[in-house]
Amino acid sequence: IDTATNTVTATIPVGPFPDFPGVALPDSSAVYVLHPDDDSVSVIETATNSVTATVRVGEGQYYALASPDGSAVYILSWSGTISVIGRQ
């Protein structure tokens, strides 16, 4: 969204039922979006506004958190597990 003009600048299809707070932004280059209904995470490259990967993670995920240095995204699930997606 361009806040100066209040217009949408891009729309990115990410799959079924994206969830918030299931969004992590480890840095300005990527966004990670949880999909609890199919146990996956969409990885969006912000430079191109496109989904570059879909990663399968543990079932019942509900929260995404980026590490302080941006090197990993941690996905917490209701089952008591944490999935870790490393960043390059």
PDB file of N, CA and C in Angstrom:
ATOM      1  N   ILE A   1       0.850  -1.179   0.000  1.00  0.00           N
ATOM      2  CA  ILE A   1       0.000   0.000   0.000  1.00  0.00           C
ATOM      3  C   ILE A   1       0.890   1.234   0.000  1.00  0.00           C
ATOM      4  N   ASP A   2       0.610   2.134  -0.919  1.00  0.00           N
ATOM      5  CA  ASP A   2       1.298   3.412  -0.956  1.00  0.00           C
ATOM      6  C   ASP A   2       0.568   4.332   0.010  1.00  0.00           C
ATOM      7  N   THR A   3       1.206   4.648   1.121  1.00  0.00           N
ATOM      8  CA  THR A   3       0.538   5.445   2.159  1.00  0.00           C
ATOM      9  C   THR A   3       0.338   6.898   1.750  1.00  0.00           C
ATOM     10  N   ALA A   4       1.100   7.373   0.789  1.00  0.00           N
ATOM     11  CA  ALA A   4       0.928   8.752   0.336  1.00  0.00           C
ATOM     12  C   ALA A   4      -0.367   8.914  -0.457  1.00  0.00           C
ATOM     13  N   THR A   5      -0.730   7.858  -1.213  1.00  0.00           N
ATOM     14  CA  THR A   5      -1.922   7.945  -2.055  1.00  0.00           C
ATOM     15  C   THR A   5      -3.058   7.025  -1.592  1.00  0.00           C
ATOM     16  N   ASN A   6      -2.780   6.213  -0.561  1.00  0.00           N
ATOM     17  CA  ASN A   6      -3.762   5.238  -0.070  1.00  0.00           C
ATOM     18  C   ASN A   6      -4.249   4.299  -1.170  1.00  0.00           C
ATOM     19  N   THR A   7      -3.303   3.805  -1.978  1.00  0.00           N
ATOM     20  CA  THR A   7      -3.652   2.865  -3.036  1.00  0.00           C
ATOM     21  C   THR A   7      -2.852   1.571  -2.868  1.00  0.00           C
ATOM     22  N   VAL A   8      -3.443   0.484  -3.315  1.00  0.00           N
ATOM     23  CA  VAL A   8      -2.781  -0.813  -3.290  1.00  0.00           C
ATOM     24  C   VAL A   8      -1.799  -0.856  -4.455  1.00  0.00           C
ATOM     25  N   THR A   9      -0.538  -1.189  -4.178  1.00  0.00           N
ATOM     26  CA  THR A   9       0.482  -1.226  -5.223  1.00  0.00           C
ATOM     27  C   THR A   9       0.713  -2.628  -5.770  1.00  0.00           C
ATOM     28  N   ALA A  10       0.343  -3.662  -5.016  1.00  0.00           N
ATOM     29  CA  ALA A  10       0.497  -5.041  -5.478  1.00  0.00           C
ATOM     30  C   ALA A  10      -0.414  -5.950  -4.670  1.00  0.00           C
ATOM     31  N   THR A  11      -0.875  -7.008  -5.304  1.00  0.00           N
ATOM     32  CA  THR A  11      -1.638  -8.059  -4.643  1.00  0.00           C
ATOM     33  C   THR A  11      -0.927  -9.364  -4.945  1.00  0.00           C
ATOM     34  N   ILE A  12      -0.628 -10.142  -3.890  1.00  0.00           N
ATOM     35  CA  ILE A  12       0.159 -11.357  -4.048  1.00  0.00           C
ATOM     36  C   ILE A  12      -0.675 -12.557  -3.601  1.00  0.00           C
ATOM     37  N   PRO A  13      -1.065 -13.443  -4.515  1.00  0.00           N
ATOM     38  CA  PRO A  13      -1.788 -14.642  -4.092  1.00  0.00           C
ATOM     39  C   PRO A  13      -0.836 -15.591  -3.352  1.00  0.00           C
ATOM     40  N   VAL A  14      -1.218 -15.989  -2.144  1.00  0.00           N
ATOM     41  CA  VAL A  14      -0.338 -16.826  -1.325  1.00  0.00           C
ATOM     42  C   VAL A  14      -0.941 -18.170  -0.954  1.00  0.00           C
ATOM     43  N   GLY A  15      -2.127 -18.480  -1.411  1.00  0.00           N
ATOM     44  CA  GLY A  15      -2.710 -19.778  -1.078  1.00  0.00           C
ATOM     45  C   GLY A  15      -3.811 -19.663  -0.054  1.00  0.00           C
ATOM     46  N   PRO A  16      -4.250 -20.817   0.443  1.00  0.00           N
ATOM     47  CA  PRO A  16      -5.447 -20.862   1.289  1.00  0.00           C
ATOM     48  C   PRO A  16      -5.243 -20.321   2.688  1.00  0.00           C
ATOM     49  N   PHE A  17      -6.185 -19.543   3.144  1.00  0.00           N
ATOM     50  CA  PHE A  17      -6.318 -19.121   4.534  1.00  0.00           C
ATOM     51  C   PHE A  17      -5.030 -18.638   5.195  1.00  0.00           C
ATOM     52  N   PRO A  18      -4.396 -17.590   4.658  1.00  0.00           N
ATOM     53  CA  PRO A  18      -3.226 -17.052   5.359  1.00  0.00           C
ATOM     54  C   PRO A  18      -3.642 -16.588   6.748  1.00  0.00           C
ATOM     55  N   ASP A  19      -2.710 -16.630   7.673  1.00  0.00           N
ATOM     56  CA  ASP A  19      -3.036 -16.384   9.071  1.00  0.00           C
ATOM     57  C   ASP A  19      -2.164 -15.277   9.653  1.00  0.00           C
ATOM     58  N   PHE A  20      -2.768 -14.461  10.491  1.00  0.00           N
ATOM     59  CA  PHE A  20      -2.019 -13.483  11.263  1.00  0.00           C
ATOM     60  C   PHE A  20      -2.328 -13.783  12.721  1.00  0.00           C
ATOM     61  N   PRO A  21      -1.383 -13.971  13.606  1.00  0.00           N
ATOM     62  CA  PRO A  21      -0.016 -13.485  13.561  1.00  0.00           C
ATOM     63  C   PRO A  21       0.980 -14.402  12.879  1.00  0.00           C
ATOM     64  N   GLY A  22       0.538 -15.141  11.894  1.00  0.00           N
ATOM     65  CA  GLY A  22       1.442 -16.032  11.188  1.00  0.00           C
ATOM     66  C   GLY A  22       2.180 -15.361  10.053  1.00  0.00           C
ATOM     67  N   VAL A  23       2.727 -14.187  10.318  1.00  0.00           N
ATOM     68  CA  VAL A  23       3.525 -13.472   9.327  1.00  0.00           C
ATOM     69  C   VAL A  23       4.837 -13.081   9.976  1.00  0.00           C
ATOM     70  N   ALA A  24       5.955 -13.377   9.305  1.00  0.00           N
ATOM     71  CA  ALA A  24       7.275 -12.996   9.826  1.00  0.00           C
ATOM     72  C   ALA A  24       8.023 -12.216   8.756  1.00  0.00           C
ATOM     73  N   LEU A  25       8.722 -11.176   9.192  1.00  0.00           N
ATOM     74  CA  LEU A  25       9.536 -10.344   8.298  1.00  0.00           C
ATOM     75  C   LEU A  25      10.947 -10.304   8.851  1.00  0.00           C
ATOM     76  N   PRO A  26      11.789 -11.262   8.429  1.00  0.00           N
ATOM     77  CA  PRO A  26      13.141 -11.298   8.982  1.00  0.00           C
ATOM     78  C   PRO A  26      13.997 -10.109   8.547  1.00  0.00           C
ATOM     79  N   ASP A  27      13.698  -9.556   7.386  1.00  0.00           N
ATOM     80  CA  ASP A  27      14.360  -8.347   6.907  1.00  0.00           C
ATOM     81  C   ASP A  27      13.484  -7.787   5.786  1.00  0.00           C
ATOM     82  N   SER A  28      13.968  -6.805   5.063  1.00  0.00           N
ATOM     83  CA  SER A  28      13.127  -6.182   4.032  1.00  0.00           C
ATOM     84  C   SER A  28      13.052  -6.983   2.732  1.00  0.00           C
ATOM     85  N   SER A  29      13.752  -8.116   2.650  1.00  0.00           N
ATOM     86  CA  SER A  29      13.774  -8.864   1.390  1.00  0.00           C
ATOM     87  C   SER A  29      12.751  -9.995   1.305  1.00  0.00           C
ATOM     88  N   ALA A  30      12.169 -10.399   2.433  1.00  0.00           N
ATOM     89  CA  ALA A  30      11.253 -11.542   2.406  1.00  0.00           C
ATOM     90  C   ALA A  30      10.162 -11.419   3.465  1.00  0.00           C
ATOM     91  N   VAL A  31       9.037 -12.056   3.159  1.00  0.00           N
ATOM     92  CA  VAL A  31       7.916 -12.166   4.087  1.00  0.00           C
ATOM     93  C   VAL A  31       7.517 -13.635   4.124  1.00  0.00           C
ATOM     94  N   TYR A  32       7.249 -14.163   5.314  1.00  0.00           N
ATOM     95  CA  TYR A  32       6.825 -15.556   5.494  1.00  0.00           C
ATOM     96  C   TYR A  32       5.388 -15.533   5.999  1.00  0.00           C
ATOM     97  N   VAL A  33       4.498 -16.273   5.305  1.00  0.00           N
ATOM     98  CA  VAL A  33       3.077 -16.277   5.635  1.00  0.00           C
ATOM     99  C   VAL A  33       2.629 -17.701   5.936  1.00  0.00           C
ATOM    100  N   LEU A  34       2.042 -17.920   7.117  1.00  0.00           N
ATOM    101  CA  LEU A  34       1.559 -19.251   7.515  1.00  0.00           C
ATOM    102  C   LEU A  34       0.216 -19.566   6.880  1.00  0.00           C
ATOM    103  N   HIS A  35       0.024 -20.869   6.613  1.00  0.00           N
ATOM    104  CA  HIS A  35      -1.249 -21.408   6.142  1.00  0.00           C
ATOM    105  C   HIS A  35      -1.602 -22.604   7.030  1.00  0.00           C
ATOM    106  N   PRO A  36      -2.240 -22.362   8.175  1.00  0.00           N
ATOM    107  CA  PRO A  36      -2.532 -23.455   9.109  1.00  0.00           C
ATOM    108  C   PRO A  36      -3.402 -24.568   8.521  1.00  0.00           C
ATOM    109  N   ASP A  37      -4.244 -24.257   7.543  1.00  0.00           N
ATOM    110  CA  ASP A  37      -5.135 -25.276   7.001  1.00  0.00           C
ATOM    111  C   ASP A  37      -4.414 -26.335   6.175  1.00  0.00           C
ATOM    112  N   ASP A  38      -3.236 -26.016   5.622  1.00  0.00           N
ATOM    113  CA  ASP A  38      -2.504 -27.045   4.878  1.00  0.00           C
ATOM    114  C   ASP A  38      -1.059 -27.201   5.352  1.00  0.00           C
ATOM    115  N   ASP A  39      -0.759 -26.679   6.543  1.00  0.00           N
ATOM    116  CA  ASP A  39       0.547 -26.880   7.190  1.00  0.00           C
ATOM    117  C   ASP A  39       1.716 -26.441   6.309  1.00  0.00           C
ATOM    118  N   SER A  40       1.582 -25.254   5.726  1.00  0.00           N
ATOM    119  CA  SER A  40       2.657 -24.745   4.882  1.00  0.00           C
ATOM    120  C   SER A  40       2.942 -23.273   5.185  1.00  0.00           C
ATOM    121  N   VAL A  41       4.060 -22.810   4.647  1.00  0.00           N
ATOM    122  CA  VAL A  41       4.471 -21.414   4.762  1.00  0.00           C
ATOM    123  C   VAL A  41       4.833 -20.926   3.364  1.00  0.00           C
ATOM    124  N   SER A  42       4.266 -19.795   2.955  1.00  0.00           N
ATOM    125  CA  SER A  42       4.650 -19.172   1.693  1.00  0.00           C
ATOM    126  C   SER A  42       5.792 -18.200   1.960  1.00  0.00           C
ATOM    127  N   VAL A  43       6.810 -18.251   1.109  1.00  0.00           N
ATOM    128  CA  VAL A  43       7.930 -17.319   1.198  1.00  0.00           C
ATOM    129  C   VAL A  43       7.774 -16.330   0.047  1.00  0.00           C
ATOM    130  N   ILE A  44       7.663 -15.050   0.391  1.00  0.00           N
ATOM    131  CA  ILE A  44       7.461 -13.999  -0.608  1.00  0.00           C
ATOM    132  C   ILE A  44       8.727 -13.159  -0.720  1.00  0.00           C
ATOM    133  N   GLU A  45       9.216 -12.995  -1.930  1.00  0.00           N
ATOM    134  CA  GLU A  45      10.345 -12.109  -2.191  1.00  0.00           C
ATOM    135  C   GLU A  45       9.782 -10.709  -2.426  1.00  0.00           C
ATOM    136  N   THR A  46      10.184  -9.757  -1.599  1.00  0.00           N
ATOM    137  CA  THR A  46       9.597  -8.423  -1.681  1.00  0.00           C
ATOM    138  C   THR A  46      10.061  -7.637  -2.909  1.00  0.00           C
ATOM    139  N   ALA A  47      11.227  -7.946  -3.449  1.00  0.00           N
ATOM    140  CA  ALA A  47      11.719  -7.224  -4.632  1.00  0.00           C
ATOM    141  C   ALA A  47      10.829  -7.462  -5.850  1.00  0.00           C
ATOM    142  N   THR A  48      10.253  -8.674  -5.935  1.00  0.00           N
ATOM    143  CA  THR A  48       9.420  -9.021  -7.082  1.00  0.00           C
ATOM    144  C   THR A  48       7.955  -9.213  -6.721  1.00  0.00           C
ATOM    145  N   ASN A  49       7.634  -9.126  -5.418  1.00  0.00           N
ATOM    146  CA  ASN A  49       6.274  -9.382  -4.936  1.00  0.00           C
ATOM    147  C   ASN A  49       5.746 -10.711  -5.447  1.00  0.00           C
ATOM    148  N   SER A  50       6.583 -11.753  -5.317  1.00  0.00           N
ATOM    149  CA  SER A  50       6.170 -13.080  -5.779  1.00  0.00           C
ATOM    150  C   SER A  50       6.509 -14.141  -4.743  1.00  0.00           C
ATOM    151  N   VAL A  51       5.714 -15.212  -4.756  1.00  0.00           N
ATOM    152  CA  VAL A  51       5.981 -16.355  -3.886  1.00  0.00           C
ATOM    153  C   VAL A  51       7.121 -17.139  -4.520  1.00  0.00           C
ATOM    154  N   THR A  52       8.211 -17.300  -3.779  1.00  0.00           N
ATOM    155  CA  THR A  52       9.381 -18.007  -4.311  1.00  0.00           C
ATOM    156  C   THR A  52       9.497 -19.424  -3.788  1.00  0.00           C
ATOM    157  N   ALA A  53       8.752 -19.743  -2.726  1.00  0.00           N
ATOM    158  CA  ALA A  53       8.792 -21.102  -2.171  1.00  0.00           C
ATOM    159  C   ALA A  53       7.562 -21.336  -1.314  1.00  0.00           C
ATOM    160  N   THR A  54       7.183 -22.599  -1.217  1.00  0.00           N
ATOM    161  CA  THR A  54       6.164 -23.037  -0.264  1.00  0.00           C
ATOM    162  C   THR A  54       6.804 -24.161   0.533  1.00  0.00           C
ATOM    163  N   VAL A  55       6.871 -23.989   1.845  1.00  0.00           N
ATOM    164  CA  VAL A  55       7.581 -24.924   2.718  1.00  0.00           C
ATOM    165  C   VAL A  55       6.566 -25.641   3.605  1.00  0.00           C
ATOM    166  N   ARG A  56       6.629 -26.973   3.635  1.00  0.00           N
ATOM    167  CA  ARG A  56       5.780 -27.756   4.545  1.00  0.00           C
ATOM    168  C   ARG A  56       6.384 -27.701   5.946  1.00  0.00           C
ATOM    169  N   VAL A  57       5.535 -27.460   6.935  1.00  0.00           N
ATOM    170  CA  VAL A  57       5.984 -27.387   8.328  1.00  0.00           C
ATOM    171  C   VAL A  57       5.055 -28.231   9.192  1.00  0.00           C
ATOM    172  N   GLY A  58       5.330 -28.274  10.488  1.00  0.00           N
ATOM    173  CA  GLY A  58       4.528 -29.066  11.414  1.00  0.00           C
ATOM    174  C   GLY A  58       3.069 -28.658  11.423  1.00  0.00           C
ATOM    175  N   GLU A  59       2.217 -29.596  11.752  1.00  0.00           N
ATOM    176  CA  GLU A  59       0.785 -29.317  11.724  1.00  0.00           C
ATOM    177  C   GLU A  59       0.367 -28.435  12.893  1.00  0.00           C
ATOM    178  N   GLY A  60      -0.648 -27.631  12.648  1.00  0.00           N
ATOM    179  CA  GLY A  60      -1.206 -26.783  13.686  1.00  0.00           C
ATOM    180  C   GLY A  60      -0.376 -25.550  14.014  1.00  0.00           C
ATOM    181  N   GLN A  61       0.384 -25.056  13.053  1.00  0.00           N
ATOM    182  CA  GLN A  61       1.189 -23.873  13.344  1.00  0.00           C
ATOM    183  C   GLN A  61       0.287 -22.671  13.596  1.00  0.00           C
ATOM    184  N   TYR A  62       0.760 -21.774  14.444  1.00  0.00           N
ATOM    185  CA  TYR A  62      -0.066 -20.621  14.765  1.00  0.00           C
ATOM    186  C   TYR A  62       0.709 -19.325  14.922  1.00  0.00           C
ATOM    187  N   TYR A  63       2.030 -19.365  14.902  1.00  0.00           N
ATOM    188  CA  TYR A  63       2.785 -18.140  15.109  1.00  0.00           C
ATOM    189  C   TYR A  63       4.124 -18.234  14.399  1.00  0.00           C
ATOM    190  N   ALA A  64       4.560 -17.137  13.790  1.00  0.00           N
ATOM    191  CA  ALA A  64       5.855 -17.084  13.108  1.00  0.00           C
ATOM    192  C   ALA A  64       6.679 -15.957  13.711  1.00  0.00           C
ATOM    193  N   LEU A  65       7.961 -16.222  13.893  1.00  0.00           N
ATOM    194  CA  LEU A  65       8.853 -15.241  14.498  1.00  0.00           C
ATOM    195  C   LEU A  65      10.212 -15.331  13.823  1.00  0.00           C
ATOM    196  N   ALA A  66      10.759 -14.190  13.429  1.00  0.00           N
ATOM    197  CA  ALA A  66      12.096 -14.160  12.820  1.00  0.00           C
ATOM    198  C   ALA A  66      13.141 -14.012  13.910  1.00  0.00           C
ATOM    199  N   SER A  67      14.297 -14.644  13.698  1.00  0.00           N
ATOM    200  CA  SER A  67      15.408 -14.491  14.639  1.00  0.00           C
ATOM    201  C   SER A  67      15.908 -13.041  14.575  1.00  0.00           C
ATOM    202  N   PRO A  68      16.517 -12.554  15.648  1.00  0.00           N
ATOM    203  CA  PRO A  68      16.988 -11.162  15.660  1.00  0.00           C
ATOM    204  C   PRO A  68      17.943 -10.815  14.519  1.00  0.00           C
ATOM    205  N   ASP A  69      18.757 -11.775  14.096  1.00  0.00           N
ATOM    206  CA  ASP A  69      19.698 -11.487  13.010  1.00  0.00           C
ATOM    207  C   ASP A  69      19.124 -11.803  11.628  1.00  0.00           C
ATOM    208  N   GLY A  70      17.867 -12.266  11.555  1.00  0.00           N
ATOM    209  CA  GLY A  70      17.220 -12.554  10.284  1.00  0.00           C
ATOM    210  C   GLY A  70      17.660 -13.839   9.608  1.00  0.00           C
ATOM    211  N   SER A  71      18.431 -14.672  10.310  1.00  0.00           N
ATOM    212  CA  SER A  71      18.969 -15.882   9.686  1.00  0.00           C
ATOM    213  C   SER A  71      17.993 -17.060   9.686  1.00  0.00           C
ATOM    214  N   ALA A  72      16.900 -16.953  10.421  1.00  0.00           N
ATOM    215  CA  ALA A  72      15.939 -18.053  10.498  1.00  0.00           C
ATOM    216  C   ALA A  72      14.554 -17.521  10.848  1.00  0.00           C
ATOM    217  N   VAL A  73      13.547 -18.307  10.479  1.00  0.00           N
ATOM    218  CA  VAL A  73      12.170 -18.036  10.883  1.00  0.00           C
ATOM    219  C   VAL A  73      11.702 -19.246  11.673  1.00  0.00           C
ATOM    220  N   TYR A  74      11.131 -19.003  12.836  1.00  0.00           N
ATOM    221  CA  TYR A  74      10.663 -20.062  13.726  1.00  0.00           C
ATOM    222  C   TYR A  74       9.144 -20.111  13.661  1.00  0.00           C
ATOM    223  N   ILE A  75       8.609 -21.308  13.419  1.00  0.00           N
ATOM    224  CA  ILE A  75       7.174 -21.521  13.302  1.00  0.00           C
ATOM    225  C   ILE A  75       6.720 -22.352  14.498  1.00  0.00           C
ATOM    226  N   LEU A  76       5.892 -21.776  15.356  1.00  0.00           N
ATOM    227  CA  LEU A  76       5.392 -22.478  16.538  1.00  0.00           C
ATOM    228  C   LEU A  76       4.088 -23.176  16.205  1.00  0.00           C
ATOM    229  N   SER A  77       3.877 -24.375  16.771  1.00  0.00           N
ATOM    230  CA  SER A  77       2.641 -25.105  16.511  1.00  0.00           C
ATOM    231  C   SER A  77       1.951 -25.485  17.818  1.00  0.00           C
ATOM    232  N   TRP A  78       0.644 -25.762  17.698  1.00  0.00           N
ATOM    233  CA  TRP A  78      -0.143 -26.184  18.854  1.00  0.00           C
ATOM    234  C   TRP A  78       0.308 -27.545  19.362  1.00  0.00           C
ATOM    235  N   SER A  79       0.973 -28.330  18.533  1.00  0.00           N
ATOM    236  CA  SER A  79       1.408 -29.668  18.938  1.00  0.00           C
ATOM    237  C   SER A  79       2.647 -29.636  19.825  1.00  0.00           C
ATOM    238  N   GLY A  80       3.188 -28.454  20.068  1.00  0.00           N
ATOM    239  CA  GLY A  80       4.346 -28.328  20.945  1.00  0.00           C
ATOM    240  C   GLY A  80       5.665 -28.459  20.207  1.00  0.00           C
ATOM    241  N   THR A  81       5.672 -28.223  18.899  1.00  0.00           N
ATOM    242  CA  THR A  81       6.905 -28.283  18.126  1.00  0.00           C
ATOM    243  C   THR A  81       7.223 -26.908  17.545  1.00  0.00           C
ATOM    244  N   ILE A  82       8.481 -26.729  17.171  1.00  0.00           N
ATOM    245  CA  ILE A  82       8.915 -25.519  16.478  1.00  0.00           C
ATOM    246  C   ILE A  82       9.629 -25.963  15.202  1.00  0.00           C
ATOM    247  N   SER A  83       9.142 -25.472  14.062  1.00  0.00           N
ATOM    248  CA  SER A  83       9.814 -25.723  12.797  1.00  0.00           C
ATOM    249  C   SER A  83      10.724 -24.527  12.524  1.00  0.00           C
ATOM    250  N   VAL A  84      11.928 -24.796  12.013  1.00  0.00           N
ATOM    251  CA  VAL A  84      12.883 -23.726  11.733  1.00  0.00           C
ATOM    252  C   VAL A  84      13.153 -23.699  10.237  1.00  0.00           C
ATOM    253  N   ILE A  85      12.949 -22.525   9.634  1.00  0.00           N
ATOM    254  CA  ILE A  85      13.264 -22.324   8.226  1.00  0.00           C
ATOM    255  C   ILE A  85      14.490 -21.422   8.179  1.00  0.00           C
ATOM    256  N   GLY A  86      15.618 -21.979   7.721  1.00  0.00           N
ATOM    257  CA  GLY A  86      16.851 -21.210   7.618  1.00  0.00           C
ATOM    258  C   GLY A  86      16.824 -20.290   6.424  1.00  0.00           C
ATOM    259  N   ARG A  87      17.500 -19.171   6.538  1.00  0.00           N
ATOM    260  CA  ARG A  87      17.577 -18.193   5.442  1.00  0.00           C
ATOM    261  C   ARG A  87      18.967 -18.184   4.874  1.00  0.00           C
ATOM    262  N   GLN A  88      19.095 -17.915   3.598  1.00  0.00           N
ATOM    263  CA  GLN A  88      20.385 -17.861   2.911  1.00  0.00           C
ATOM    264  C   GLN A  88      20.882 -16.444   2.833  1.00  0.00           C
TER     265      GLN A  88
END
